[in-house]
C-alpha atoms as a PDB file:
ATOM      1  CA  MET A   1     -45.596 134.860 280.005  1.00  0.00           C
ATOM      2  CA  VAL A   2     -42.881 132.656 278.501  1.00  0.00           C
ATOM      3  CA  SER A   3     -45.494 130.118 277.413  1.00  0.00           C
ATOM      4  CA  MET A   4     -47.483 132.802 275.590  1.00  0.00           C
ATOM      5  CA  MET A   5     -44.355 134.135 273.909  1.00  0.00           C
ATOM      6  CA  LYS A   6     -43.323 130.615 272.870  1.00  0.00           C
ATOM      7  CA  ASP A   7     -46.766 130.275 271.264  1.00  0.00           C
ATOM      8  CA  VAL A   8     -45.956 133.320 269.098  1.00  0.00           C
ATOM      9  CA  ILE A   9     -43.257 131.170 267.493  1.00  0.00           C
ATOM     10  CA  ARG A  10     -45.129 127.857 267.653  1.00  0.00           C
ATOM     11  CA  ARG A  11     -48.280 129.059 265.934  1.00  0.00           C
ATOM     12  CA  GLY A  12     -48.460 132.849 265.841  1.00  0.00           C
ATOM     13  CA  THR A  13     -46.975 135.819 264.020  1.00  0.00           C
ATOM     14  CA  GLY A  14     -43.426 134.578 264.690  1.00  0.00           C
ATOM     15  CA  ARG A  15     -43.954 131.072 263.299  1.00  0.00           C
ATOM     16  CA  ARG A  16     -41.365 131.626 260.553  1.00  0.00           C
ATOM     17  CA  ALA A  17     -38.756 131.288 263.337  1.00  0.00           C
ATOM     18  CA  ARG A  18     -39.544 127.566 263.448  1.00  0.00           C
ATOM     19  CA  ILE A  19     -36.999 127.318 260.647  1.00  0.00           C
ATOM     20  CA  LEU A  20     -34.375 127.469 263.427  1.00  0.00           C
ATOM     21  CA  LYS A  21     -35.501 123.951 264.457  1.00  0.00           C
ATOM     22  CA  ARG A  22     -35.342 124.873 268.148  1.00  0.00           C
ATOM     23  CA  THR A  23     -37.983 124.650 270.867  1.00  0.00           C
ATOM     24  CA  ASP A  24     -36.362 127.039 273.342  1.00  0.00           C
ATOM     25  CA  PRO A  25     -36.967 130.492 271.752  1.00  0.00           C
ATOM     26  CA  ALA A  26     -39.876 132.753 272.615  1.00  0.00           C
ATOM     27  CA  GLY A  27     -40.715 136.168 271.236  1.00  0.00           C
ATOM     28  CA  LYS A  28     -43.146 138.848 270.142  1.00  0.00           C
ATOM     29  CA  THR A  29     -43.656 140.795 266.945  1.00  0.00           C
ATOM     30  CA  GLY A  30     -44.537 144.462 266.995  1.00  0.00           C
ATOM     31  CA  THR A  31     -45.673 147.105 264.534  1.00  0.00           C
ATOM     32  CA  THR A  32     -46.531 150.727 265.279  1.00  0.00           C
ATOM     33  CA  ASN A  33     -49.421 152.694 263.823  1.00  0.00           C
ATOM     34  CA  ASP A  34     -48.976 153.512 260.152  1.00  0.00           C
ATOM     35  CA  GLN A  35     -46.213 150.875 259.999  1.00  0.00           C
ATOM     36  CA  ARG A  36     -43.521 153.367 260.993  1.00  0.00           C
ATOM     37  CA  ASP A  37     -41.623 150.848 263.124  1.00  0.00           C
ATOM     38  CA  ALA A  38     -41.486 147.074 263.101  1.00  0.00           C
ATOM     39  CA  TRP A  39     -39.658 144.760 265.473  1.00  0.00           C
ATOM     40  CA  PHE A  40     -39.243 141.271 266.748  1.00  0.00           C
ATOM     41  CA  CYS A  41     -38.024 140.739 270.280  1.00  0.00           C
ATOM     42  CA  GLY A  42     -37.005 137.186 271.043  1.00  0.00           C
ATOM     43  CA  PHE A  43     -35.052 135.235 273.595  1.00  0.00           C
ATOM     44  CA  ASN A  44     -34.019 131.914 274.971  1.00  0.00           C
ATOM     45  CA  ARG A  45     -32.331 131.074 278.260  1.00  0.00           C
ATOM     46  CA  ASP A  46     -28.967 132.445 277.108  1.00  0.00           C
ATOM     47  CA  LEU A  47     -29.663 135.317 274.728  1.00  0.00           C
ATOM     48  CA  THR A  48     -32.165 138.138 274.200  1.00  0.00           C
ATOM     49  CA  THR A  49     -32.202 140.003 270.900  1.00  0.00           C
ATOM     50  CA  ILE A  50     -34.379 142.665 269.312  1.00  0.00           C
ATOM     51  CA  ALA A  51     -34.437 143.372 265.591  1.00  0.00           C
ATOM     52  CA  TRP A  52     -35.916 146.805 264.859  1.00  0.00           C
ATOM     53  CA  VAL A  53     -36.694 148.275 261.454  1.00  0.00           C
ATOM     54  CA  GLY A  54     -37.541 151.943 261.015  1.00  0.00           C
ATOM     55  CA  PHE A  55     -36.230 155.364 260.090  1.00  0.00           C
ATOM     56  CA  ASP A  56     -34.389 157.857 262.311  1.00  0.00           C
ATOM     57  CA  ARG A  57     -37.034 160.387 261.328  1.00  0.00           C
ATOM     58  CA  PRO A  58     -40.337 158.499 261.551  1.00  0.00           C
ATOM     59  CA  ALA A  59     -41.818 157.643 258.180  1.00  0.00           C
ATOM     60  CA  PRO A  60     -43.968 154.742 257.009  1.00  0.00           C
ATOM     61  CA  LEU A  61     -42.004 151.625 256.076  1.00  0.00           C
ATOM     62  CA  GLY A  62     -44.485 150.719 253.366  1.00  0.00           C
ATOM     63  CA  HIS A  63     -47.669 148.732 253.066  1.00  0.00           C
ATOM     64  CA  GLY A  64     -47.532 145.376 254.823  1.00  0.00           C
ATOM     65  CA  GLU A  65     -44.196 145.959 256.553  1.00  0.00           C
ATOM     66  CA  THR A  66     -44.943 144.403 259.921  1.00  0.00           C
ATOM     67  CA  GLY A  67     -42.712 142.979 262.616  1.00  0.00           C
ATOM     68  CA  ALA A  68     -43.233 139.497 261.199  1.00  0.00           C
ATOM     69  CA  ARG A  69     -42.334 140.556 257.673  1.00  0.00           C
ATOM     70  CA  ALA A  70     -39.619 143.200 258.155  1.00  0.00           C
ATOM     71  CA  ALA A  71     -37.874 142.432 261.460  1.00  0.00           C
ATOM     72  CA  LEU A  72     -38.371 138.712 262.080  1.00  0.00           C
ATOM     73  CA  PRO A  73     -36.143 137.594 259.165  1.00  0.00           C
ATOM     74  CA  ILE A  74     -33.287 139.685 260.605  1.00  0.00           C
ATOM     75  CA  TRP A  75     -33.797 138.136 264.036  1.00  0.00           C
ATOM     76  CA  ILE A  76     -33.899 134.626 262.549  1.00  0.00           C
ATOM     77  CA  GLU A  77     -30.652 135.165 260.659  1.00  0.00           C
ATOM     78  CA  PHE A  78     -28.874 136.536 263.731  1.00  0.00           C
ATOM     79  CA  MET A  79     -30.168 133.889 266.132  1.00  0.00           C
ATOM     80  CA  GLY A  80     -29.402 131.116 263.663  1.00  0.00           C
ATOM     81  CA  ALA A  81     -25.751 132.184 263.630  1.00  0.00           C
ATOM     82  CA  ALA A  82     -25.547 133.028 267.345  1.00  0.00           C
ATOM     83  CA  LEU A  83     -27.070 129.731 268.474  1.00  0.00           C
ATOM     84  CA  LYS A  84     -25.347 127.467 265.951  1.00  0.00           C
ATOM     85  CA  GLY A  85     -23.935 124.535 267.895  1.00  0.00           C
ATOM     86  CA  VAL A  86     -25.387 125.828 271.180  1.00  0.00           C
ATOM     87  CA  PRO A  87     -27.471 123.151 272.926  1.00  0.00           C
ATOM     88  CA  GLN A  88     -31.048 123.977 273.803  1.00  0.00           C
ATOM     89  CA  ARG A  89     -31.604 124.842 277.447  1.00  0.00           C
ATOM     90  CA  PRO A  90     -35.270 125.303 278.316  1.00  0.00           C
ATOM     91  CA  LEU A  91     -36.159 127.883 280.912  1.00  0.00           C
ATOM     92  CA  PRO A  92     -37.019 126.288 284.245  1.00  0.00           C
ATOM     93  CA  GLN A  93     -40.717 126.234 285.097  1.00  0.00           C
ATOM     94  CA  PRO A  94     -41.432 128.302 288.220  1.00  0.00           C
ATOM     95  CA  PRO A  95     -42.935 126.635 291.291  1.00  0.00           C
ATOM     96  CA  GLY A  96     -46.735 126.608 291.311  1.00  0.00           C
ATOM     97  CA  ILE A  97     -46.988 126.332 287.515  1.00  0.00           C
ATOM     98  CA  VAL A  98     -48.138 123.223 285.609  1.00  0.00           C
ATOM     99  CA  THR A  99     -48.452 122.355 281.930  1.00  0.00           C
ATOM    100  CA  VAL A 100     -51.602 120.539 280.777  1.00  0.00           C
ATOM    101  CA  ARG A 101     -52.302 118.775 277.457  1.00  0.00           C
ATOM    102  CA  ILE A 102     -55.437 120.480 276.073  1.00  0.00           C
ATOM    103  CA  ASP A 103     -57.829 119.614 273.237  1.00  0.00           C
ATOM    104  CA  ARG A 104     -57.727 122.710 271.042  1.00  0.00           C
ATOM    105  CA  ASP A 105     -61.422 122.274 270.074  1.00  0.00           C
ATOM    106  CA  THR A 106     -62.924 121.863 273.537  1.00  0.00           C
ATOM    107  CA  GLY A 107     -60.396 123.597 275.784  1.00  0.00           C
ATOM    108  CA  ARG A 108     -60.483 120.562 278.098  1.00  0.00           C
ATOM    109  CA  PRO A 109     -57.698 118.192 279.130  1.00  0.00           C
ATOM    110  CA  THR A 110     -57.120 115.515 276.510  1.00  0.00           C
ATOM    111  CA  SER A 111     -55.424 112.157 276.142  1.00  0.00           C
ATOM    112  CA  PRO A 112     -51.895 111.602 274.799  1.00  0.00           C
ATOM    113  CA  ASP A 113     -53.324 110.099 271.583  1.00  0.00           C
ATOM    114  CA  ASN A 114     -54.821 113.452 270.507  1.00  0.00           C
ATOM    115  CA  PRO A 115     -52.693 114.553 267.525  1.00  0.00           C
ATOM    116  CA  ASP A 116     -54.036 118.116 267.695  1.00  0.00           C
ATOM    117  CA  ALA A 117     -53.371 118.650 271.393  1.00  0.00           C
ATOM    118  CA  ILE A 118     -51.687 121.802 272.568  1.00  0.00           C
ATOM    119  CA  PHE A 119     -49.954 122.402 275.861  1.00  0.00           C
ATOM    120  CA  GLU A 120     -51.128 125.276 278.019  1.00  0.00           C
ATOM    121  CA  THR A 121     -49.565 126.608 281.192  1.00  0.00           C
ATOM    122  CA  PHE A 122     -51.606 127.268 284.333  1.00  0.00           C
ATOM    123  CA  ARG A 123     -51.107 128.244 287.922  1.00  0.00           C
ATOM    124  CA  THR A 124     -51.582 124.969 289.761  1.00  0.00           C
ATOM    125  CA  ARG A 125     -54.765 126.037 291.536  1.00  0.00           C
ATOM    126  CA  TYR A 126     -56.422 127.088 288.242  1.00  0.00           C
ATOM    127  CA  ALA A 127     -55.402 124.095 286.119  1.00  0.00           C
ATOM    128  CA  PRO A 128     -58.295 122.118 284.621  1.00  0.00           C
ATOM    129  CA  ARG A 129     -58.761 118.985 286.662  1.00  0.00           C
ATOM    130  CA  ALA A 130     -61.145 116.966 284.493  1.00  0.00           C
ATOM    131  CA  LYS A 131     -59.643 113.699 283.311  1.00  0.00           C
ATOM    132  CA  PRO A 132     -59.757 112.914 279.578  1.00  0.00           C
ATOM    133  CA  ARG A 133     -62.803 110.823 278.643  1.00  0.00           C
ATOM    134  CA  GLY A 134     -61.264 107.808 276.933  1.00  0.00           C
ATOM    135  CA  PRO A 135     -59.558 107.877 273.549  1.00  0.00           C
ATOM    136  CA  HIS A 136     -59.513 111.088 271.579  1.00  0.00           C
ATOM    137  CA  ARG A 137     -62.348 111.550 269.066  1.00  0.00           C
ATOM    138  CA  THR A 138     -61.278 112.444 265.558  1.00  0.00           C
ATOM    139  CA  GLU A 139     -64.516 114.213 264.650  1.00  0.00           C
ATOM    140  CA  ARG A 140     -64.960 117.814 265.684  1.00  0.00           C
ATOM    141  CA  PRO A 141     -67.826 118.691 268.017  1.00  0.00           C
ATOM    142  CA  ALA A 142     -70.701 120.545 266.386  1.00  0.00           C
ATOM    143  CA  SER A 143     -72.803 122.682 268.684  1.00  0.00           C
ATOM    144  CA  ARG A 144     -74.874 124.240 265.897  1.00  0.00           C
ATOM    145  CA  PRO A 145     -76.735 122.630 262.965  1.00  0.00           C
ATOM    146  CA  ASP A 146     -74.271 124.110 260.459  1.00  0.00           C
ATOM    147  CA  GLY A 147     -71.363 122.368 262.183  1.00  0.00           C
ATOM    148  CA  GLY A 148     -70.202 125.483 263.993  1.00  0.00           C
ATOM    149  CA  ARG A 149     -69.178 127.458 260.912  1.00  0.00           C
ATOM    150  CA  THR A 150     -71.490 130.401 261.562  1.00  0.00           C
ATOM    151  CA  PRO A 151     -70.482 132.535 264.543  1.00  0.00           C
ATOM    152  CA  ALA A 152     -72.882 132.202 267.450  1.00  0.00           C
ATOM    153  CA  PRO A 153     -74.493 135.438 268.657  1.00  0.00           C
ATOM    154  CA  LEU A 154     -72.767 136.924 271.689  1.00  0.00           C
ATOM    155  CA  PHE A 155     -75.851 138.590 273.167  1.00  0.00           C
END
């Protein structure tokens, strides 16, 4: 769960929080129907904080007012001040969990020279076991004649 919530900041709706220049926060944006409430809930090992934006009597916040746009900046400002000078302390990884370097195009384990690799967390027994096949290729695999740009039919 922590890995998924860290991805929200690394490359998801909370990516503006990267301005904090920290690797230990994780979080999740939220927006209710009709944009009546927006929030960002985030944490690190020492502090959990939620920034909520809304009205006491529910009313729309306005077009485009999402958790990432309305609440995340508040959370960033607070956490920036609260964590100033506080060393990063990553959460310990639970037993039975491993992190694997994955090629984002193939979903398979990749070599350390892959500049586009991502790290994914698995239960040990479900972790991909295939070894990387030599140096990382820089070209993207194309499974369809158009280079994979057209979505493949599902059925």
